[in-house]
Structures are given as structure tokens and as C-alpha cells.
Protein backbone atom coordinates (compact mmCIF):
# COMPACT_ATOMS: atom_id res chain seq x y z
CA MET A 1 -8.18 -120.99 -5.31
CA GLY A 2 -10.77 -120.78 -2.64
CA GLU A 3 -11.38 -123.71 -0.32
CA VAL A 4 -13.64 -126.32 -1.89
CA SER A 5 -16.27 -127.86 0.30
CA ARG A 6 -16.32 -131.64 0.50
CA ARG A 7 -19.97 -131.39 -0.47
CA ALA A 8 -18.89 -129.94 -3.84
CA TRP A 9 -17.28 -133.20 -4.88
CA PRO A 10 -19.50 -135.27 -7.21
CA VAL A 11 -21.07 -138.30 -5.57
CA ARG A 12 -20.55 -141.57 -7.37
CA ARG A 13 -23.66 -143.65 -7.46
CA ARG A 14 -23.96 -147.23 -8.56
CA PRO A 15 -26.21 -147.40 -11.65
CA ALA A 16 -29.57 -148.99 -11.02
CA PRO A 17 -29.90 -152.43 -12.54
CA ALA A 18 -32.17 -152.91 -15.56
CA SER A 19 -35.53 -154.44 -14.94
CA ASP A 20 -34.48 -157.50 -16.87
CA ASP A 21 -31.55 -158.06 -14.54
CA LEU A 22 -33.68 -158.18 -11.38
CA PRO A 23 -33.86 -161.70 -9.85
CA THR A 24 -37.21 -163.36 -9.61
CA ASP A 25 -38.40 -163.98 -6.00
CA PRO A 26 -39.00 -167.74 -5.72
CA PHE A 27 -41.30 -167.16 -2.76
CA PRO A 28 -43.43 -164.16 -3.57
CA ALA A 29 -45.32 -162.68 -0.67
CA ASP A 30 -49.03 -163.28 -0.48
CA PRO A 31 -50.79 -159.91 -0.45
CA GLU A 32 -53.15 -161.26 2.19
CA ASP A 33 -50.35 -162.33 4.59
CA PRO A 34 -49.78 -160.00 7.58
CA PRO A 35 -46.58 -157.96 7.44
CA PRO A 36 -43.59 -159.45 9.33
CA PRO A 37 -43.04 -158.11 12.86
CA PRO A 38 -40.46 -155.38 13.17
CA ARG A 39 -36.96 -156.54 14.12
CA PRO A 40 -36.02 -155.54 17.69
CA ARG A 41 -33.51 -152.73 18.04
CA VAL A 42 -30.44 -153.39 20.25
CA THR A 43 -29.43 -150.15 21.93
CA LEU A 44 -26.19 -149.34 23.79
CA ALA A 45 -28.16 -148.86 27.01
CA ALA A 46 -29.50 -152.39 26.74
CA VAL A 47 -26.01 -153.79 26.24
CA ARG A 48 -24.70 -151.92 29.29
CA LEU A 49 -27.62 -153.11 31.39
CA ALA A 50 -26.99 -156.71 30.36
CA ALA A 51 -23.27 -156.38 31.19
CA LEU A 52 -24.10 -154.92 34.59
CA GLY A 53 -26.47 -157.75 35.32
CA LEU A 54 -23.85 -160.34 34.33
CA ALA A 55 -21.24 -158.68 36.55
CA LEU A 56 -23.69 -158.69 39.47
CA VAL A 57 -24.45 -162.39 38.96
CA LEU A 58 -20.74 -163.22 38.84
CA THR A 59 -20.08 -161.19 42.00
CA ILE A 60 -22.83 -163.00 43.88
CA ALA A 61 -21.58 -166.35 42.61
CA ILE A 62 -18.00 -165.65 43.71
CA THR A 63 -19.19 -164.45 47.12
CA MET A 64 -21.25 -167.59 47.61
CA VAL A 65 -18.29 -169.76 46.64
CA ARG A 66 -16.07 -167.95 49.15
CA LEU A 67 -18.70 -168.28 51.82
CA PHE A 68 -19.46 -171.95 51.45
CA VAL A 69 -16.56 -173.58 49.64
CA GLY A 70 -13.36 -173.85 51.71
CA GLY A 71 -10.59 -171.28 51.74
CA PRO A 72 -9.12 -169.43 54.72
CA PRO A 73 -11.39 -168.62 57.66
CA SER A 74 -13.13 -165.28 58.06
CA VAL A 75 -12.76 -163.07 61.11
CA GLU A 76 -16.17 -164.20 62.35
CA GLU A 77 -15.17 -167.84 61.99
CA LEU A 78 -11.90 -167.23 63.82
CA ARG A 79 -13.71 -165.48 66.67
CA ALA A 80 -16.19 -168.35 66.98
CA ARG A 81 -13.50 -171.03 66.94
CA ALA A 82 -11.29 -169.11 69.38
CA GLY A 83 -14.20 -168.67 71.79
CA VAL A 84 -13.81 -164.91 71.96
CA ASP A 85 -17.54 -164.19 71.64
CA GLY A 86 -18.23 -166.24 74.75
CA TRP A 87 -15.85 -164.29 77.02
CA SER A 88 -17.33 -161.54 79.17
CA THR A 89 -13.82 -160.37 80.18
CA LEU A 90 -10.34 -160.81 78.76
CA ALA A 91 -7.72 -162.18 81.17
CA ILE A 92 -4.14 -161.18 80.31
CA GLY A 93 -0.97 -162.26 82.08
CA VAL A 94 1.65 -159.48 82.38
CA LYS A 95 4.63 -158.53 84.48
CA ASP A 96 3.92 -156.13 87.32
CA ASP A 97 7.41 -154.97 88.35
CA GLN A 98 8.90 -153.60 85.12
CA PRO A 99 8.62 -149.80 84.85
CA GLY A 100 8.17 -148.77 81.24
CA THR A 101 7.00 -152.18 80.04
CA ALA A 102 4.51 -153.46 82.61
CA PHE A 103 4.07 -152.03 86.09
CA ARG A 104 1.31 -152.11 88.67
CA LYS A 105 1.18 -148.85 90.58
CA PRO A 106 0.34 -148.70 94.29
CA ASP A 107 -3.20 -147.58 93.46
CA GLY A 108 -3.74 -150.77 91.43
CA THR A 109 -3.60 -149.19 87.98
CA TRP A 110 -1.30 -150.49 85.24
CA SER A 111 1.13 -148.78 82.88
CA GLY A 112 3.79 -149.67 80.35
CA PHE A 113 4.37 -150.64 76.74
CA ASP A 114 3.07 -154.20 77.18
CA ILE A 115 -0.04 -152.83 78.86
CA ASP A 116 -0.78 -150.50 75.94
CA ILE A 117 -0.21 -153.32 73.43
CA ALA A 118 -2.61 -155.46 75.47
CA TYR A 119 -5.27 -152.74 75.32
CA MET A 120 -4.75 -152.44 71.55
CA ILE A 121 -5.33 -156.16 71.01
CA ALA A 122 -8.26 -156.24 73.43
CA GLU A 123 -9.93 -153.33 71.62
CA ASP A 124 -9.80 -155.15 68.29
CA LEU A 125 -11.19 -158.27 69.94
CA GLY A 126 -14.18 -156.21 71.08
CA PHE A 127 -13.35 -155.63 74.77
CA ARG A 128 -13.61 -152.28 76.52
CA ARG A 129 -10.83 -151.29 78.88
CA GLY A 130 -13.06 -152.02 81.85
CA GLU A 131 -13.48 -155.58 80.57
CA VAL A 132 -9.72 -156.28 80.50
CA ARG A 133 -8.29 -158.04 83.56
CA PHE A 134 -4.53 -157.94 84.16
CA PHE A 135 -2.88 -160.57 86.35
CA ALA A 136 0.73 -160.61 87.54
CA MET A 137 2.88 -163.35 86.06
CA GLU A 138 6.36 -164.65 86.73
CA SER A 139 8.71 -165.67 83.93
CA GLU A 140 8.44 -169.42 84.52
CA ASP A 141 4.63 -169.26 84.27
CA ARG A 142 4.45 -167.65 80.83
CA ALA A 143 4.41 -170.97 78.99
CA ARG A 144 1.84 -172.43 81.40
CA MET A 145 -0.34 -169.33 81.02
CA GLN A 146 -0.91 -169.22 84.76
CA ALA A 147 -0.95 -165.95 86.67
CA THR A 148 -1.77 -164.79 90.19
CA ASP A 149 -4.64 -162.58 91.33
CA PRO A 150 -4.21 -159.93 94.06
CA GLY A 151 -5.26 -162.48 96.66
CA GLY A 152 -2.52 -164.91 95.64
CA LYS A 153 -4.85 -167.33 93.83
CA ARG A 154 -3.62 -168.97 90.63
CA VAL A 155 -5.73 -168.05 87.60
CA PRO A 156 -5.56 -169.04 83.91
CA VAL A 157 -5.23 -166.32 81.29
CA GLN A 158 -6.18 -166.11 77.61
CA LEU A 159 -3.18 -164.01 76.55
CA VAL A 160 0.38 -163.64 77.83
CA ILE A 161 1.93 -160.27 77.04
CA ALA A 162 4.89 -160.33 79.38
CA SER A 163 8.16 -159.42 77.60
CA TYR A 164 8.17 -163.00 76.28
CA SER A 165 10.91 -163.52 73.69
CA ILE A 166 10.19 -165.84 70.78
CA THR A 167 12.74 -168.67 70.53
CA PRO A 168 12.73 -171.95 68.56
CA ASP A 169 12.67 -174.01 71.78
CA ARG A 170 9.71 -172.12 73.19
CA ALA A 171 7.82 -172.14 69.89
CA ALA A 172 8.31 -175.91 69.62
CA ARG A 173 6.36 -176.53 72.82
CA PRO A 174 2.85 -177.90 72.19
CA ASP A 175 1.36 -175.56 74.80
CA VAL A 176 2.91 -172.37 73.38
CA THR A 177 1.68 -170.49 70.31
CA PHE A 178 3.31 -167.15 69.59
CA SER A 179 1.95 -164.26 67.62
CA GLN A 180 4.27 -162.48 65.26
CA PRO A 181 6.72 -160.12 67.04
CA TYR A 182 5.49 -156.80 68.40
CA LEU A 183 8.83 -155.44 69.69
CA PHE A 184 12.55 -155.88 68.97
CA THR A 185 15.04 -155.27 71.79
CA GLU A 186 18.38 -156.73 72.94
CA GLN A 187 20.21 -157.90 76.04
CA SER A 188 22.02 -155.35 78.19
CA VAL A 189 23.48 -154.95 81.70
CA LEU A 190 22.58 -152.77 84.67
CA THR A 191 25.08 -151.96 87.44
CA LEU A 192 25.26 -149.53 90.32
CA ALA A 193 26.53 -146.11 89.32
CA GLY A 194 30.30 -145.84 89.34
CA HIS A 195 30.90 -149.47 88.35
CA ALA A 196 33.74 -150.18 85.97
CA LYS A 197 32.70 -149.96 82.33
CA VAL A 198 30.95 -153.04 80.96
CA SER A 199 31.51 -153.31 77.21
CA THR A 200 30.88 -157.03 76.75
CA LEU A 201 29.66 -159.93 78.81
CA ASP A 202 33.30 -161.04 79.15
CA ASP A 203 33.75 -158.11 81.54
CA LEU A 204 31.49 -159.99 83.98
CA LYS A 205 33.48 -163.22 83.97
CA GLY A 206 33.73 -164.53 87.51
CA ARG A 207 31.31 -161.87 88.75
CA ASP A 208 27.95 -162.36 90.45
CA VAL A 209 25.21 -161.62 87.95
CA CYS A 210 21.45 -161.79 88.44
CA SER A 211 19.01 -162.76 85.70
CA LEU A 212 15.49 -164.09 85.37
CA THR A 213 14.67 -167.77 85.64
CA THR A 214 13.95 -169.37 82.23
CA ALA A 215 14.84 -166.08 80.51
CA THR A 216 16.89 -165.98 77.30
CA SER A 217 19.33 -163.62 79.04
CA GLU A 218 20.28 -166.31 81.58
CA LYS A 219 22.30 -168.46 79.15
CA ALA A 220 24.90 -166.00 77.84
CA PRO A 221 26.48 -164.97 81.18
CA LYS A 222 26.77 -168.63 82.19
CA GLU A 223 28.66 -169.38 78.99
CA ILE A 224 31.34 -166.75 79.70
CA GLY A 225 31.87 -167.93 83.28
CA ALA A 226 29.79 -165.49 85.30
CA ILE A 227 28.20 -166.68 88.54
CA VAL A 228 24.53 -166.46 87.69
CA HIS A 229 21.85 -166.00 90.34
CA SER A 230 18.37 -166.73 88.95
CA ARG A 231 15.30 -164.97 90.27
CA ASN A 232 11.61 -165.20 89.36
CA ARG A 233 11.15 -161.41 89.30
CA ILE A 234 13.39 -158.66 87.96
CA SER A 235 12.60 -156.56 91.04
CA GLU A 236 14.30 -159.26 93.12
CA CYS A 237 17.43 -158.86 90.98
CA ILE A 238 17.31 -155.10 91.52
CA GLU A 239 17.08 -155.65 95.28
CA ASP A 240 20.14 -157.92 95.11
CA LEU A 241 22.02 -155.25 93.15
CA ARG A 242 21.13 -152.49 95.60
CA ALA A 243 22.25 -154.69 98.47
CA GLU A 244 25.46 -155.45 96.52
CA ARG A 245 24.80 -159.18 96.65
CA VAL A 246 25.43 -159.16 92.90
CA ASP A 247 27.62 -156.99 90.68
CA ALA A 248 25.20 -156.68 87.78
CA VAL A 249 21.77 -157.51 86.42
CA THR A 250 21.31 -158.67 82.84
CA THR A 251 18.13 -159.05 80.82
CA ASP A 252 16.38 -157.26 77.95
CA ALA A 253 17.30 -153.59 77.54
CA ALA A 254 13.65 -152.54 77.32
CA ILE A 255 13.21 -153.86 80.87
CA LEU A 256 16.38 -152.44 82.43
CA ALA A 257 15.85 -149.04 80.80
CA GLY A 258 12.83 -148.46 83.01
CA TYR A 259 14.89 -148.82 86.19
CA LYS A 260 17.59 -146.55 84.82
CA ALA A 261 14.99 -143.92 83.86
CA ARG A 262 13.36 -144.11 87.28
CA SER A 263 16.65 -143.85 89.20
CA PRO A 264 19.17 -142.27 86.80
CA GLN A 265 21.69 -141.38 89.52
CA GLU A 266 21.60 -144.84 91.10
CA PHE A 267 22.30 -147.08 88.10
CA ASP A 268 24.42 -147.33 84.97
CA HIS A 269 22.96 -149.05 81.91
CA TRP A 270 25.46 -150.74 79.57
CA ASP A 271 25.13 -151.72 75.92
CA LEU A 272 26.75 -155.11 75.23
CA GLY A 273 26.79 -154.78 71.46
CA LEU A 274 25.27 -158.23 70.95
CA ASP A 275 24.02 -159.24 67.51
CA THR A 276 21.16 -161.28 68.96
CA THR A 277 17.75 -159.62 68.79
CA GLU A 278 15.07 -160.36 71.35
CA ALA A 279 11.69 -160.51 69.59
CA TRP A 280 8.76 -160.21 71.98
CA GLY A 281 5.58 -162.07 71.07
CA VAL A 282 2.13 -162.74 72.52
CA ASN A 283 1.55 -166.29 73.77
CA VAL A 284 -1.98 -167.67 73.35
CA GLY A 285 -1.30 -171.23 74.51
CA GLU A 286 -2.94 -173.75 72.21
CA ASN A 287 -5.50 -171.31 70.79
CA THR A 288 -4.11 -170.93 67.26
CA ASP A 289 -7.20 -169.08 66.03
CA LEU A 290 -6.65 -166.44 68.69
CA ALA A 291 -3.04 -166.10 67.51
CA THR A 292 -4.31 -165.29 64.01
CA LEU A 293 -6.62 -162.60 65.42
CA VAL A 294 -3.69 -161.09 67.34
CA ASP A 295 -1.60 -161.13 64.16
CA LEU A 296 -4.43 -159.37 62.37
CA THR A 297 -4.32 -156.55 64.91
CA LEU A 298 -0.55 -156.26 64.58
CA TYR A 299 -0.80 -156.30 60.77
CA ARG A 300 -3.44 -153.58 60.67
CA SER A 301 -1.48 -151.53 63.19
CA LEU A 302 1.54 -151.71 60.90
CA LYS A 303 -0.18 -151.14 57.56
CA ASP A 304 -2.99 -148.72 58.37
CA PRO A 305 -1.59 -145.15 58.34
CA ARG A 306 -4.50 -144.02 60.50
CA ASP A 307 -3.61 -146.49 63.26
CA ASP A 308 -0.94 -144.94 65.50
CA ARG A 309 -1.57 -146.95 68.66
CA TRP A 310 1.77 -148.81 68.49
CA GLU A 311 3.69 -145.59 67.89
CA ASN A 312 1.92 -143.86 70.78
CA ALA A 313 2.70 -146.78 73.09
CA TYR A 314 6.36 -146.65 72.12
CA ASP A 315 6.69 -142.89 72.47
CA GLU A 316 4.98 -142.72 75.84
CA ASN A 317 6.71 -145.67 77.48
CA LEU A 318 10.07 -146.31 75.80
CA GLN A 319 11.08 -143.24 73.79
CA SER A 320 10.49 -141.19 76.92
CA GLU A 321 13.28 -143.19 78.64
CA VAL A 322 15.92 -142.44 76.00
CA PRO A 323 17.35 -139.27 77.63
CA ALA A 324 18.10 -141.07 80.90
CA ASN A 325 19.64 -144.07 79.14
CA GLY A 326 21.96 -142.08 76.90
CA ARG A 327 23.72 -144.09 74.20
CA THR A 328 22.40 -147.47 75.36
CA PRO A 329 19.73 -148.70 72.92
CA ILE A 330 16.38 -149.60 74.45
CA ALA A 331 14.40 -151.09 71.57
CA GLN A 332 13.81 -150.56 67.88
CA ALA A 333 11.62 -147.50 67.41
CA GLN A 334 9.66 -149.13 64.62
CA GLN A 335 7.04 -151.85 64.77
CA PRO A 336 8.41 -155.19 63.51
CA ASN A 337 7.24 -156.36 60.12
CA VAL A 338 4.11 -158.52 60.16
CA THR A 339 3.16 -161.01 57.46
CA LYS A 340 -0.43 -160.64 56.32
CA PRO A 341 -2.56 -163.26 58.11
CA ASP A 342 -4.40 -165.78 55.94
CA VAL A 343 -7.90 -164.49 56.64
CA ARG A 344 -10.86 -164.42 54.25
CA GLU A 345 -12.40 -160.98 53.88
CA GLN A 346 -16.19 -160.99 53.87
CA PRO A 347 -18.16 -158.19 52.20
CA TRP A 348 -19.38 -156.93 55.59
CA GLU A 349 -15.97 -156.99 57.28
CA ASP A 350 -13.27 -154.33 57.32
CA THR A 351 -10.93 -154.62 54.38
CA ILE A 352 -7.39 -155.60 55.31
CA PRO A 353 -4.90 -153.10 53.83
């Protein structure tokens, strides 16, 4: 049989009712009454337009609630509360005698990993490089946020980025507020070339060892019975080592690696195999809002694949020292994890990844 079209099937129609079965209209229309107005037609376009309008109203309402009803602060609010917008320059306390981390050259320019991290934070705070002022700082002054200008005058700083390890005791101080970590390193030992192998701190028992005053690396050699000589500057420890007034210098590996890289034939750099990690953080004193802004920079640096400033700072200053330091670790070659800061995102601000 050939294919039968659906139109060939007979159509069933309901039989029309007889005239006697039709109901009587209890309210017959008056022939003189005007015809009823036509019923409005609801089109799909009208429905979509109404839905769009409702979504726009809800969006505006939510934005207004976020703007005026509590919640975490916005970046603009943090900047205002921190005082950033009122600063014409940004004063940062750093070390000046640590090649690879923070070093002031004879011509007055600065270099090092801490210096590049400082520029990264300053950039996000809205400061050009020419508006950043670096001031030399000794270890014992990092909590006080007091540095020294080239003329020897004491000056306050807004940020301390000076190989400052985060510890519970330091973080508990009312005048210290740390950012989240920006570098992980560990304690190591530097000796003159040709010194007997140093595998652990126990190898320095009874020996003269130099370390920095108030540094985390000062405690461990004391505990194993070393004779510890405390100095305010790591360069003073290096001078003592060169003059053979001490047998070794101990502090963070990221600091000692710079001296080994600069004078590879003069020094030996030893890995102690310690489990303790030194986590460097930025100290902002009592300015907690500034700490959140710093954390925001570190978070974006970690999460934004287009932001390679941390990686460039590491490669240029620390990774470049690896060949001279051999098997002794310098620092972790990956930015530490950063928890997302509790910051409200406004429609006109950059979206946090």
C-alpha cells in the first residue's frame, strides 16, 4: 500500500447541538450597548521584558543593600580607614645588607626579593615607584616600625618588609599585625670554606655562632649549647666570620644564600634539615585595614594567572642563587597559599578571582 497522508484520515467533529438544547442567556445584550473592549494580548516579548525589568530591580536592590547595610568593607572603605589616600609617599622599612633579599647598593638603589614584593604591594596601593621610600631597619626595630634615614634620623614607616618571620609571640603583640605569609624558607648555617661538615645544629655545640638579635634563629643554637653572639645586622655577623671571631653564622637560608652566591669560594652554606618553616610576613603595626589590603595583593598575585610579579621576583633574586648554593635549599619556589580576604566587591571595583 502506498503511504497514507495524515490528512486523509476522517476528522471527527462533535455534532452541533439542536436549537432546543441551547441555553437561554439570562442577561441578553442590549443591541444599543457598545461592544466590549478587546482583551489585551500577552506576547512572549512582553513577558521577557517584564522579567528583565524585575531582574534589574532585584539587582539594584541587592546592590543598595550591600552598599548601605553592613557586611565586609569594600576596598574603598579599607583605603579610607587605613589612611592610604592621604599619603603622598609610602615609607617601607627593609633590611639594607642582605644580598638577594634586601640590599642597598653604593649608588643608593635597592634590590632583592623583599624590595620587589614591596614594589608589588605599593603598586596595588596606588603608589608609583618614585613615591616609595625605603628606609634601613635593624631586626629589633621591626616590631616598633622604626627605621633610619640616610642621615641617621629615626623615622616611622607604614610597612615593614624585612625578612620578618611570623611567630605566635610576635603576632600576639598589640603593636604588630602581620599579613599572610609571602615566603617560606628555613634556618641554615654559613661557615668559611673548608669548615668541617655541618649536618645539624648539634655539630656547633660549644662553638661560637653569630645570629641576629631578636631573630627566630637565635634560640635553636642556644638550646644545643652553642656560644651565641647576637648582632643587630647580618653583615656584622659576616664580618665576625671573616675575622674568625665566630665559627658559623645561622639565620634564614634565604638570607645566607645571598652571601654564598656573592662569594661562592669564600663560604660554605649548610642545610640543617630542620622541620621548622620560617614564614615571612609584612608587619603593618596596628593598621589592620592596611593588612587586609596587603593580603588582597598577595591573594590576587596567587590566584590571577596574569599576575607573575611574585614569580619574577623569586626567579630574579632567589632562583638565580641556586647554582652557587648547590643542594642547600633557599626557599620554597612557590608563593604560599593565601586565604581570600573578607572584602566586599563593589560593581565598579576589580573582581577578586
